[in-house]
Amino acid sequence: MGKFTVIPQATFDELQLDAGVLLNTFNPSSPEAPADSAIICATTGGIKADCTPTYSDLGSDVDNCPENAKELKHLDGWACTLGFTSLSASEANIKLALGAADITSSSSKITPRRDLKASDFSDVWWVGDRADGGLVAIKLANALSTGGFSLQTSKNGKGQISVTLTGHVSIETQSVMPMEFYSIDPATSSGV
């Protein structure tokens, strides 16, 4: 075997396993197994988390300036999303997929709204297991559905609602980006 045909010894311990779970509340400093009321929905096909930067090249229109000069690279922001397919057609999950919507509990009716309210934004957590007994967690802050509502049904199958949640920066904390990541060792996550 060649001296560069190797992998880190911790590779298998640090593998993230299974689909994980979407939660409306989670405390990474004291991780506990989630209460049923904290679980947002059952999913199918896994969860896709993306955190993609957008950059500007401030030297792009400067004569004789090399393209992508690091000194003139500007980070414009981050596009942070969680995408998943929900198997739950509850009022709360339909509202989550719609984003700006109201639930009329007396008639179990969910109605899209023309304007946004502060209450339409909420923090959403994805938490998954690591092979060594630890966990990986992602917090999407100020999440709002930007993909709309899309229900796919099938003969003899389960209805599936596609959801794309986008994290948002708050004007009150403009330097805080809308996604946080945690990789927690088993000693810290023993409560889970």
N, C-alpha and C. Protein backbone atom coordinates (compact mmCIF):
# COMPACT_ATOMS: atom_id res chain seq x y z
N MET A 1 0.85 -1.18 0.00
CA MET A 1 0.00 0.00 0.00
C MET A 1 0.89 1.24 0.00
N GLY A 2 0.52 2.23 -0.80
CA GLY A 2 1.29 3.47 -0.89
C GLY A 2 1.12 4.33 0.35
N LYS A 3 2.09 5.19 0.61
CA LYS A 3 2.03 6.00 1.82
C LYS A 3 0.94 7.07 1.77
N PHE A 4 0.36 7.34 0.59
CA PHE A 4 -0.72 8.31 0.50
C PHE A 4 -2.08 7.65 0.25
N THR A 5 -2.13 6.33 0.37
CA THR A 5 -3.38 5.60 0.24
C THR A 5 -3.88 5.29 1.64
N VAL A 6 -4.31 6.33 2.33
CA VAL A 6 -4.73 6.20 3.73
C VAL A 6 -5.94 7.11 3.98
N ILE A 7 -6.60 6.87 5.09
CA ILE A 7 -7.68 7.75 5.54
C ILE A 7 -7.41 8.07 7.01
N PRO A 8 -7.99 9.16 7.53
CA PRO A 8 -7.80 9.48 8.94
C PRO A 8 -8.35 8.37 9.83
N GLN A 9 -7.70 8.13 10.96
CA GLN A 9 -8.14 7.07 11.87
C GLN A 9 -9.53 7.31 12.43
N ALA A 10 -9.95 8.56 12.52
CA ALA A 10 -11.26 8.88 13.10
C ALA A 10 -12.39 8.85 12.07
N THR A 11 -12.09 8.45 10.83
CA THR A 11 -13.08 8.51 9.76
C THR A 11 -14.40 7.86 10.14
N PHE A 12 -14.36 6.63 10.62
CA PHE A 12 -15.61 5.91 10.88
C PHE A 12 -16.34 6.45 12.10
N ASP A 13 -15.59 6.94 13.09
CA ASP A 13 -16.23 7.54 14.26
C ASP A 13 -17.00 8.81 13.89
N GLU A 14 -16.50 9.55 12.93
CA GLU A 14 -17.07 10.84 12.58
C GLU A 14 -18.12 10.79 11.48
N LEU A 15 -18.46 9.59 11.00
CA LEU A 15 -19.49 9.47 9.97
C LEU A 15 -20.83 9.92 10.52
N GLN A 16 -21.57 10.67 9.73
CA GLN A 16 -22.95 11.01 10.10
C GLN A 16 -23.83 9.90 9.53
N LEU A 17 -24.71 9.35 10.38
CA LEU A 17 -25.54 8.21 10.00
C LEU A 17 -27.02 8.56 9.95
N ASP A 18 -27.74 7.88 9.10
CA ASP A 18 -29.19 7.97 8.97
C ASP A 18 -29.63 9.39 8.57
N ALA A 19 -30.95 9.58 8.48
CA ALA A 19 -31.49 10.84 7.95
C ALA A 19 -31.52 11.97 8.96
N GLY A 20 -31.50 11.64 10.24
CA GLY A 20 -31.63 12.69 11.25
C GLY A 20 -33.07 13.12 11.39
N VAL A 21 -33.29 14.16 12.18
CA VAL A 21 -34.64 14.60 12.50
C VAL A 21 -34.70 16.13 12.47
N LEU A 22 -35.85 16.66 12.06
CA LEU A 22 -36.09 18.10 12.07
C LEU A 22 -36.81 18.47 13.36
N LEU A 23 -36.28 19.49 14.05
CA LEU A 23 -36.81 19.88 15.35
C LEU A 23 -37.12 21.37 15.38
N ASN A 24 -38.12 21.73 16.19
CA ASN A 24 -38.41 23.15 16.38
C ASN A 24 -37.67 23.72 17.58
N THR A 25 -37.03 22.85 18.37
CA THR A 25 -36.22 23.31 19.50
C THR A 25 -35.13 22.29 19.79
N PHE A 26 -33.94 22.78 20.14
CA PHE A 26 -32.81 21.91 20.47
C PHE A 26 -31.77 22.74 21.19
N ASN A 27 -31.10 22.15 22.19
CA ASN A 27 -30.06 22.85 22.94
C ASN A 27 -28.74 22.10 22.77
N PRO A 28 -27.83 22.59 21.92
CA PRO A 28 -26.58 21.87 21.68
C PRO A 28 -25.65 21.81 22.89
N SER A 29 -25.83 22.70 23.86
CA SER A 29 -24.97 22.66 25.04
C SER A 29 -25.44 21.61 26.04
N SER A 30 -26.65 21.13 25.88
CA SER A 30 -27.18 20.07 26.73
C SER A 30 -28.11 19.18 25.90
N PRO A 31 -27.53 18.42 24.95
CA PRO A 31 -28.35 17.67 24.01
C PRO A 31 -29.13 16.53 24.69
N GLU A 32 -30.40 16.51 24.42
CA GLU A 32 -31.29 15.46 24.94
C GLU A 32 -32.04 14.85 23.77
N ALA A 33 -32.48 13.61 23.93
CA ALA A 33 -33.35 13.00 22.92
C ALA A 33 -34.60 13.87 22.80
N PRO A 34 -35.06 14.12 21.58
CA PRO A 34 -36.16 15.07 21.41
C PRO A 34 -37.50 14.54 21.93
N ALA A 35 -38.27 15.44 22.51
CA ALA A 35 -39.65 15.13 22.86
C ALA A 35 -40.44 15.05 21.56
N ASP A 36 -41.51 14.28 21.56
CA ASP A 36 -42.33 14.13 20.37
C ASP A 36 -42.84 15.48 19.88
N SER A 37 -43.16 16.37 20.80
CA SER A 37 -43.68 17.69 20.44
C SER A 37 -42.63 18.57 19.75
N ALA A 38 -41.35 18.23 19.89
CA ALA A 38 -40.28 19.01 19.25
C ALA A 38 -40.02 18.58 17.81
N ILE A 39 -40.51 17.39 17.43
CA ILE A 39 -40.27 16.86 16.08
C ILE A 39 -41.23 17.52 15.11
N ILE A 40 -40.70 18.13 14.07
CA ILE A 40 -41.53 18.87 13.11
C ILE A 40 -42.36 17.93 12.25
N CYS A 41 -41.73 16.90 11.69
CA CYS A 41 -42.47 15.98 10.83
C CYS A 41 -41.61 14.76 10.50
N ALA A 42 -42.28 13.73 10.01
CA ALA A 42 -41.58 12.58 9.43
C ALA A 42 -41.19 12.99 8.01
N THR A 43 -40.03 12.52 7.55
CA THR A 43 -39.55 12.88 6.22
C THR A 43 -39.26 11.63 5.41
N THR A 44 -39.08 11.80 4.13
CA THR A 44 -38.65 10.72 3.26
C THR A 44 -37.58 11.26 2.32
N GLY A 45 -36.58 10.46 2.02
CA GLY A 45 -35.54 10.88 1.10
C GLY A 45 -34.42 11.71 1.72
N GLY A 46 -34.43 11.86 3.04
CA GLY A 46 -33.37 12.59 3.72
C GLY A 46 -33.61 14.10 3.73
N ILE A 47 -32.66 14.80 4.33
CA ILE A 47 -32.72 16.25 4.46
C ILE A 47 -31.50 16.83 3.77
N LYS A 48 -31.66 17.90 3.01
CA LYS A 48 -30.53 18.53 2.32
C LYS A 48 -30.29 19.91 2.93
N ALA A 49 -29.12 20.09 3.49
CA ALA A 49 -28.72 21.38 4.06
C ALA A 49 -27.69 22.01 3.14
N ASP A 50 -27.90 23.28 2.80
CA ASP A 50 -26.97 24.02 1.95
C ASP A 50 -26.65 25.35 2.60
N CYS A 51 -25.37 25.73 2.55
CA CYS A 51 -24.93 27.04 3.01
C CYS A 51 -23.91 27.52 1.99
N THR A 52 -24.36 28.37 1.06
CA THR A 52 -23.56 28.73 -0.10
C THR A 52 -23.23 30.22 -0.08
N PRO A 53 -21.93 30.57 -0.16
CA PRO A 53 -21.57 31.98 -0.17
C PRO A 53 -21.78 32.60 -1.56
N THR A 54 -22.03 33.90 -1.58
CA THR A 54 -22.01 34.66 -2.83
C THR A 54 -20.93 35.72 -2.70
N TYR A 55 -20.12 35.83 -3.75
CA TYR A 55 -18.98 36.74 -3.74
C TYR A 55 -19.08 37.74 -4.89
N SER A 56 -18.45 38.88 -4.69
CA SER A 56 -18.24 39.86 -5.77
C SER A 56 -16.74 40.01 -5.95
N ASP A 57 -16.33 40.19 -7.19
CA ASP A 57 -14.94 40.48 -7.50
C ASP A 57 -14.87 41.98 -7.77
N LEU A 58 -14.40 42.75 -6.76
CA LEU A 58 -14.37 44.20 -6.88
C LEU A 58 -13.35 44.69 -7.90
N GLY A 59 -12.51 43.79 -8.37
CA GLY A 59 -11.52 44.17 -9.39
C GLY A 59 -11.94 43.77 -10.79
N SER A 60 -13.15 43.25 -10.95
CA SER A 60 -13.57 42.73 -12.26
C SER A 60 -13.61 43.79 -13.35
N ASP A 61 -13.84 45.05 -12.99
CA ASP A 61 -13.90 46.11 -14.01
C ASP A 61 -12.67 47.03 -13.96
N VAL A 62 -11.63 46.58 -13.25
CA VAL A 62 -10.41 47.39 -13.13
C VAL A 62 -9.41 46.91 -14.19
N ASP A 63 -8.96 47.85 -15.03
CA ASP A 63 -7.99 47.51 -16.07
C ASP A 63 -6.74 46.88 -15.46
N ASN A 64 -6.25 45.84 -16.09
CA ASN A 64 -5.02 45.14 -15.73
C ASN A 64 -5.08 44.40 -14.40
N CYS A 65 -6.23 44.37 -13.75
CA CYS A 65 -6.35 43.64 -12.48
C CYS A 65 -6.62 42.17 -12.77
N PRO A 66 -5.83 41.28 -12.19
CA PRO A 66 -6.09 39.85 -12.42
C PRO A 66 -7.46 39.45 -11.87
N GLU A 67 -8.09 38.55 -12.57
CA GLU A 67 -9.39 38.05 -12.12
C GLU A 67 -9.23 37.31 -10.79
N ASN A 68 -10.18 37.52 -9.89
CA ASN A 68 -10.21 36.86 -8.58
C ASN A 68 -9.00 37.18 -7.71
N ALA A 69 -8.57 38.42 -7.72
CA ALA A 69 -7.51 38.83 -6.79
C ALA A 69 -8.07 38.74 -5.38
N LYS A 70 -7.39 38.03 -4.50
CA LYS A 70 -7.94 37.79 -3.16
C LYS A 70 -8.16 39.08 -2.37
N GLU A 71 -7.33 40.09 -2.63
CA GLU A 71 -7.47 41.35 -1.90
C GLU A 71 -8.73 42.12 -2.31
N LEU A 72 -9.29 41.79 -3.45
CA LEU A 72 -10.48 42.49 -3.94
C LEU A 72 -11.73 41.60 -3.94
N LYS A 73 -11.61 40.46 -3.31
CA LYS A 73 -12.76 39.56 -3.20
C LYS A 73 -13.64 40.06 -2.07
N HIS A 74 -14.96 40.11 -2.30
CA HIS A 74 -15.90 40.60 -1.30
C HIS A 74 -16.97 39.55 -1.06
N LEU A 75 -17.18 39.19 0.20
CA LEU A 75 -18.24 38.24 0.56
C LEU A 75 -19.54 39.02 0.70
N ASP A 76 -20.49 38.77 -0.20
CA ASP A 76 -21.77 39.48 -0.18
C ASP A 76 -22.72 38.91 0.86
N GLY A 77 -22.72 37.60 1.01
CA GLY A 77 -23.64 36.98 1.96
C GLY A 77 -23.68 35.47 1.78
N TRP A 78 -24.59 34.86 2.51
CA TRP A 78 -24.74 33.41 2.50
C TRP A 78 -26.19 33.05 2.18
N ALA A 79 -26.38 32.07 1.31
CA ALA A 79 -27.71 31.52 1.04
C ALA A 79 -27.79 30.20 1.80
N CYS A 80 -28.62 30.15 2.84
CA CYS A 80 -28.70 28.99 3.73
C CYS A 80 -30.09 28.37 3.65
N THR A 81 -30.15 27.08 3.31
CA THR A 81 -31.44 26.42 3.15
C THR A 81 -31.43 25.02 3.75
N LEU A 82 -32.62 24.56 4.12
CA LEU A 82 -32.88 23.16 4.45
C LEU A 82 -34.00 22.71 3.52
N GLY A 83 -33.76 21.64 2.78
CA GLY A 83 -34.77 21.09 1.89
C GLY A 83 -35.11 19.68 2.31
N PHE A 84 -36.40 19.35 2.28
CA PHE A 84 -36.84 18.01 2.68
C PHE A 84 -38.21 17.74 2.11
N THR A 85 -38.61 16.48 2.19
CA THR A 85 -39.94 16.05 1.78
C THR A 85 -40.66 15.54 3.00
N SER A 86 -41.75 16.21 3.35
CA SER A 86 -42.52 15.87 4.54
C SER A 86 -43.61 14.87 4.20
N LEU A 87 -43.83 13.94 5.11
CA LEU A 87 -44.92 12.98 4.97
C LEU A 87 -46.13 13.39 5.80
N SER A 88 -46.03 14.50 6.50
CA SER A 88 -47.10 14.95 7.38
C SER A 88 -47.93 16.04 6.71
N ALA A 89 -49.24 15.82 6.68
CA ALA A 89 -50.16 16.82 6.13
C ALA A 89 -50.93 17.51 7.25
N SER A 90 -50.27 17.72 8.39
CA SER A 90 -50.92 18.41 9.51
C SER A 90 -51.07 19.89 9.17
N GLU A 91 -51.91 20.57 9.92
CA GLU A 91 -52.09 22.01 9.73
C GLU A 91 -50.76 22.74 9.84
N ALA A 92 -49.98 22.40 10.88
CA ALA A 92 -48.70 23.09 11.12
C ALA A 92 -47.72 22.86 9.97
N ASN A 93 -47.69 21.66 9.40
CA ASN A 93 -46.75 21.39 8.32
C ASN A 93 -47.18 22.01 7.00
N ILE A 94 -48.48 22.08 6.76
CA ILE A 94 -48.94 22.79 5.56
C ILE A 94 -48.60 24.27 5.69
N LYS A 95 -48.83 24.85 6.87
CA LYS A 95 -48.48 26.26 7.10
C LYS A 95 -46.97 26.48 6.95
N LEU A 96 -46.16 25.54 7.47
CA LEU A 96 -44.71 25.65 7.34
C LEU A 96 -44.31 25.70 5.87
N ALA A 97 -44.91 24.84 5.04
CA ALA A 97 -44.58 24.80 3.62
C ALA A 97 -45.03 26.08 2.90
N LEU A 98 -46.16 26.63 3.31
CA LEU A 98 -46.66 27.86 2.68
C LEU A 98 -45.86 29.09 3.09
N GLY A 99 -45.38 29.11 4.32
CA GLY A 99 -44.63 30.27 4.82
C GLY A 99 -45.57 31.31 5.40
N ALA A 100 -46.06 32.20 4.57
CA ALA A 100 -46.98 33.25 5.02
C ALA A 100 -48.40 32.71 4.91
N ALA A 101 -48.93 32.24 6.03
CA ALA A 101 -50.27 31.64 6.03
C ALA A 101 -50.84 31.70 7.44
N ASP A 102 -52.15 31.55 7.51
CA ASP A 102 -52.85 31.52 8.80
C ASP A 102 -53.65 30.23 8.92
N ILE A 103 -53.74 29.74 10.15
CA ILE A 103 -54.55 28.56 10.45
C ILE A 103 -55.80 29.03 11.17
N THR A 104 -56.95 28.65 10.65
CA THR A 104 -58.22 28.90 11.34
C THR A 104 -58.60 27.60 12.03
N SER A 105 -58.34 27.52 13.34
CA SER A 105 -58.51 26.25 14.04
C SER A 105 -59.94 25.74 14.06
N SER A 106 -60.90 26.64 14.07
CA SER A 106 -62.29 26.19 14.15
C SER A 106 -62.70 25.40 12.91
N SER A 107 -62.06 25.67 11.77
CA SER A 107 -62.42 24.96 10.54
C SER A 107 -61.26 24.15 9.98
N SER A 108 -60.13 24.10 10.69
CA SER A 108 -58.93 23.40 10.22
C SER A 108 -58.50 23.89 8.84
N LYS A 109 -58.68 25.17 8.60
CA LYS A 109 -58.37 25.77 7.30
C LYS A 109 -57.04 26.52 7.39
N ILE A 110 -56.20 26.32 6.37
CA ILE A 110 -54.93 27.03 6.25
C ILE A 110 -55.03 27.92 5.01
N THR A 111 -54.82 29.21 5.20
CA THR A 111 -54.99 30.16 4.10
C THR A 111 -53.70 30.95 3.89
N PRO A 112 -53.16 30.94 2.66
CA PRO A 112 -52.00 31.79 2.39
C PRO A 112 -52.35 33.26 2.60
N ARG A 113 -51.34 34.01 3.00
CA ARG A 113 -51.50 35.42 3.30
C ARG A 113 -50.66 36.24 2.32
N ARG A 114 -51.08 37.46 2.05
CA ARG A 114 -50.36 38.33 1.11
C ARG A 114 -49.13 38.97 1.74
N ASP A 115 -49.10 39.12 3.05
CA ASP A 115 -47.99 39.80 3.72
C ASP A 115 -47.32 38.88 4.73
N LEU A 116 -46.10 39.24 5.08
CA LEU A 116 -45.34 38.47 6.08
C LEU A 116 -45.55 39.04 7.47
N LYS A 117 -45.51 38.15 8.45
CA LYS A 117 -45.51 38.55 9.85
C LYS A 117 -44.22 38.03 10.48
N ALA A 118 -43.78 38.68 11.55
CA ALA A 118 -42.58 38.22 12.25
C ALA A 118 -42.74 36.78 12.72
N SER A 119 -43.98 36.38 13.04
CA SER A 119 -44.23 35.01 13.53
C SER A 119 -44.10 33.96 12.43
N ASP A 120 -43.99 34.37 11.15
CA ASP A 120 -43.79 33.40 10.07
C ASP A 120 -42.37 32.85 10.06
N PHE A 121 -41.46 33.54 10.72
CA PHE A 121 -40.06 33.12 10.79
C PHE A 121 -39.83 32.36 12.09
N SER A 122 -39.11 31.25 12.02
CA SER A 122 -38.79 30.49 13.23
C SER A 122 -37.48 29.74 13.02
N ASP A 123 -36.82 29.40 14.11
CA ASP A 123 -35.60 28.61 14.02
C ASP A 123 -35.97 27.15 13.83
N VAL A 124 -35.23 26.47 12.95
CA VAL A 124 -35.44 25.05 12.69
C VAL A 124 -34.10 24.35 12.84
N TRP A 125 -34.12 23.21 13.49
CA TRP A 125 -32.91 22.42 13.72
C TRP A 125 -32.99 21.10 12.96
N TRP A 126 -31.86 20.70 12.39
CA TRP A 126 -31.69 19.33 11.93
C TRP A 126 -30.64 18.71 12.84
N VAL A 127 -30.93 17.53 13.39
CA VAL A 127 -29.98 16.84 14.27
C VAL A 127 -29.86 15.39 13.80
N GLY A 128 -28.62 14.93 13.66
CA GLY A 128 -28.37 13.56 13.23
C GLY A 128 -27.30 12.90 14.07
N ASP A 129 -27.28 11.58 14.04
CA ASP A 129 -26.32 10.79 14.81
C ASP A 129 -24.97 10.69 14.11
N ARG A 130 -23.92 10.59 14.92
CA ARG A 130 -22.59 10.23 14.43
C ARG A 130 -22.34 8.77 14.80
N ALA A 131 -21.47 8.10 14.06
CA ALA A 131 -21.19 6.69 14.28
C ALA A 131 -20.61 6.42 15.66
N ASP A 132 -19.91 7.38 16.24
CA ASP A 132 -19.28 7.18 17.55
C ASP A 132 -20.22 7.47 18.71
N GLY A 133 -21.49 7.76 18.43
CA GLY A 133 -22.44 8.08 19.48
C GLY A 133 -22.61 9.57 19.70
N GLY A 134 -21.84 10.36 19.00
CA GLY A 134 -21.99 11.81 19.06
C GLY A 134 -23.12 12.26 18.15
N LEU A 135 -23.14 13.54 17.84
CA LEU A 135 -24.20 14.05 16.96
C LEU A 135 -23.69 15.20 16.12
N VAL A 136 -24.42 15.46 15.06
CA VAL A 136 -24.20 16.61 14.21
C VAL A 136 -25.50 17.40 14.22
N ALA A 137 -25.42 18.72 14.34
CA ALA A 137 -26.63 19.54 14.36
C ALA A 137 -26.43 20.78 13.50
N ILE A 138 -27.52 21.21 12.88
CA ILE A 138 -27.52 22.43 12.08
C ILE A 138 -28.73 23.26 12.51
N LYS A 139 -28.47 24.52 12.82
CA LYS A 139 -29.56 25.45 13.14
C LYS A 139 -29.76 26.38 11.96
N LEU A 140 -30.98 26.43 11.44
CA LEU A 140 -31.35 27.39 10.42
C LEU A 140 -32.16 28.48 11.11
N ALA A 141 -31.56 29.66 11.23
CA ALA A 141 -32.18 30.75 11.98
C ALA A 141 -33.15 31.54 11.11
N ASN A 142 -34.23 31.99 11.73
CA ASN A 142 -35.23 32.80 11.04
C ASN A 142 -35.68 32.14 9.74
N ALA A 143 -36.00 30.86 9.84
CA ALA A 143 -36.38 30.08 8.66
C ALA A 143 -37.77 30.45 8.17
N LEU A 144 -37.90 30.52 6.86
CA LEU A 144 -39.18 30.78 6.20
C LEU A 144 -39.21 29.95 4.93
N SER A 145 -40.35 29.35 4.64
CA SER A 145 -40.47 28.59 3.40
C SER A 145 -40.41 29.53 2.20
N THR A 146 -39.49 29.24 1.29
CA THR A 146 -39.38 30.04 0.07
C THR A 146 -39.67 29.19 -1.16
N GLY A 147 -39.97 27.92 -0.95
CA GLY A 147 -40.26 27.01 -2.06
C GLY A 147 -41.74 26.82 -2.30
N GLY A 148 -42.57 27.37 -1.41
CA GLY A 148 -44.01 27.23 -1.56
C GLY A 148 -44.50 25.84 -1.20
N PHE A 149 -45.76 25.60 -1.49
CA PHE A 149 -46.42 24.33 -1.17
C PHE A 149 -46.49 23.48 -2.43
N SER A 150 -46.01 22.24 -2.34
CA SER A 150 -46.07 21.31 -3.46
C SER A 150 -46.37 19.92 -2.91
N LEU A 151 -47.57 19.42 -3.19
CA LEU A 151 -48.01 18.10 -2.73
C LEU A 151 -47.98 17.14 -3.91
N GLN A 152 -47.28 16.01 -3.74
CA GLN A 152 -47.25 14.96 -4.76
C GLN A 152 -47.91 13.72 -4.19
N THR A 153 -48.97 13.25 -4.84
CA THR A 153 -49.64 12.03 -4.42
C THR A 153 -49.36 10.93 -5.43
N SER A 154 -49.63 9.69 -5.04
CA SER A 154 -49.44 8.57 -5.96
C SER A 154 -50.42 7.45 -5.61
N LYS A 155 -50.77 6.65 -6.60
CA LYS A 155 -51.66 5.52 -6.37
C LYS A 155 -51.01 4.56 -5.38
N ASN A 156 -51.76 4.18 -4.37
CA ASN A 156 -51.29 3.27 -3.32
C ASN A 156 -50.06 3.80 -2.58
N GLY A 157 -49.83 5.10 -2.62
CA GLY A 157 -48.65 5.67 -1.99
C GLY A 157 -49.01 6.70 -0.93
N LYS A 158 -47.99 7.37 -0.45
CA LYS A 158 -48.15 8.41 0.57
C LYS A 158 -47.99 9.78 -0.09
N GLY A 159 -48.82 10.72 0.34
CA GLY A 159 -48.65 12.09 -0.13
C GLY A 159 -47.34 12.65 0.39
N GLN A 160 -46.65 13.41 -0.45
CA GLN A 160 -45.36 13.99 -0.07
C GLN A 160 -45.38 15.49 -0.34
N ILE A 161 -45.00 16.26 0.67
CA ILE A 161 -44.96 17.72 0.55
C ILE A 161 -43.50 18.16 0.51
N SER A 162 -43.11 18.76 -0.61
CA SER A 162 -41.74 19.28 -0.76
C SER A 162 -41.63 20.62 -0.05
N VAL A 163 -40.59 20.77 0.76
CA VAL A 163 -40.41 22.00 1.54
C VAL A 163 -38.97 22.50 1.37
N THR A 164 -38.83 23.78 1.10
CA THR A 164 -37.52 24.43 1.12
C THR A 164 -37.60 25.61 2.08
N LEU A 165 -36.82 25.52 3.15
CA LEU A 165 -36.76 26.60 4.13
C LEU A 165 -35.48 27.39 3.91
N THR A 166 -35.58 28.71 3.95
CA THR A 166 -34.43 29.58 3.79
C THR A 166 -34.21 30.36 5.07
N GLY A 167 -32.96 30.40 5.54
CA GLY A 167 -32.62 31.18 6.72
C GLY A 167 -32.45 32.65 6.36
N HIS A 168 -32.76 33.52 7.31
CA HIS A 168 -32.70 34.96 7.06
C HIS A 168 -31.90 35.68 8.13
N VAL A 169 -31.13 36.67 7.70
CA VAL A 169 -30.41 37.56 8.61
C VAL A 169 -31.42 38.53 9.21
N SER A 170 -31.23 38.90 10.46
CA SER A 170 -32.09 39.89 11.10
C SER A 170 -31.42 41.26 11.06
N ILE A 171 -32.19 42.29 10.85
CA ILE A 171 -31.66 43.66 10.87
C ILE A 171 -31.08 43.97 12.25
N GLU A 172 -31.63 43.35 13.29
CA GLU A 172 -31.16 43.59 14.65
C GLU A 172 -29.78 42.99 14.91
N THR A 173 -29.42 41.92 14.19
CA THR A 173 -28.10 41.27 14.35
C THR A 173 -27.55 40.97 12.95
N GLN A 174 -27.17 42.02 12.24
CA GLN A 174 -26.80 41.89 10.84
C GLN A 174 -25.53 41.11 10.59
N SER A 175 -24.67 40.98 11.58
CA SER A 175 -23.42 40.24 11.38
C SER A 175 -23.57 38.75 11.68
N VAL A 176 -24.75 38.32 12.14
CA VAL A 176 -24.99 36.91 12.47
C VAL A 176 -25.64 36.24 11.27
N MET A 177 -24.95 35.28 10.69
CA MET A 177 -25.47 34.57 9.53
C MET A 177 -26.52 33.54 9.97
N PRO A 178 -27.43 33.14 9.08
CA PRO A 178 -28.59 32.35 9.49
C PRO A 178 -28.37 30.84 9.59
N MET A 179 -27.14 30.38 9.63
CA MET A 179 -26.92 28.94 9.80
C MET A 179 -25.74 28.71 10.73
N GLU A 180 -25.92 27.77 11.67
CA GLU A 180 -24.86 27.37 12.60
C GLU A 180 -24.70 25.86 12.51
N PHE A 181 -23.46 25.39 12.73
CA PHE A 181 -23.15 23.97 12.63
C PHE A 181 -22.51 23.48 13.93
N TYR A 182 -22.84 22.27 14.32
CA TYR A 182 -22.29 21.65 15.52
C TYR A 182 -21.90 20.21 15.21
N SER A 183 -20.73 19.78 15.68
CA SER A 183 -20.32 18.38 15.64
C SER A 183 -19.88 18.05 17.06
N ILE A 184 -20.72 17.30 17.76
CA ILE A 184 -20.56 17.12 19.20
C ILE A 184 -20.12 15.70 19.51
N ASP A 185 -19.05 15.58 20.29
CA ASP A 185 -18.50 14.28 20.67
C ASP A 185 -19.44 13.53 21.60
N PRO A 186 -19.30 12.20 21.69
CA PRO A 186 -20.20 11.40 22.52
C PRO A 186 -20.20 11.78 23.99
N ALA A 187 -19.06 12.20 24.54
CA ALA A 187 -19.01 12.56 25.96
C ALA A 187 -19.93 13.72 26.26
N THR A 188 -20.03 14.67 25.32
CA THR A 188 -20.89 15.84 25.49
C THR A 188 -22.35 15.51 25.23
N SER A 189 -22.59 14.57 24.31
CA SER A 189 -23.96 14.27 23.89
C SER A 189 -24.52 13.04 24.59
N SER A 190 -24.04 12.73 25.77
CA SER A 190 -24.47 11.51 26.47
C SER A 190 -25.95 11.52 26.84
N GLY A 191 -26.58 12.69 26.86
CA GLY A 191 -28.00 12.76 27.19
C GLY A 191 -28.89 12.31 26.04
N VAL A 192 -28.33 12.15 24.86
CA VAL A 192 -29.13 11.78 23.69
C VAL A 192 -29.21 10.29 23.56
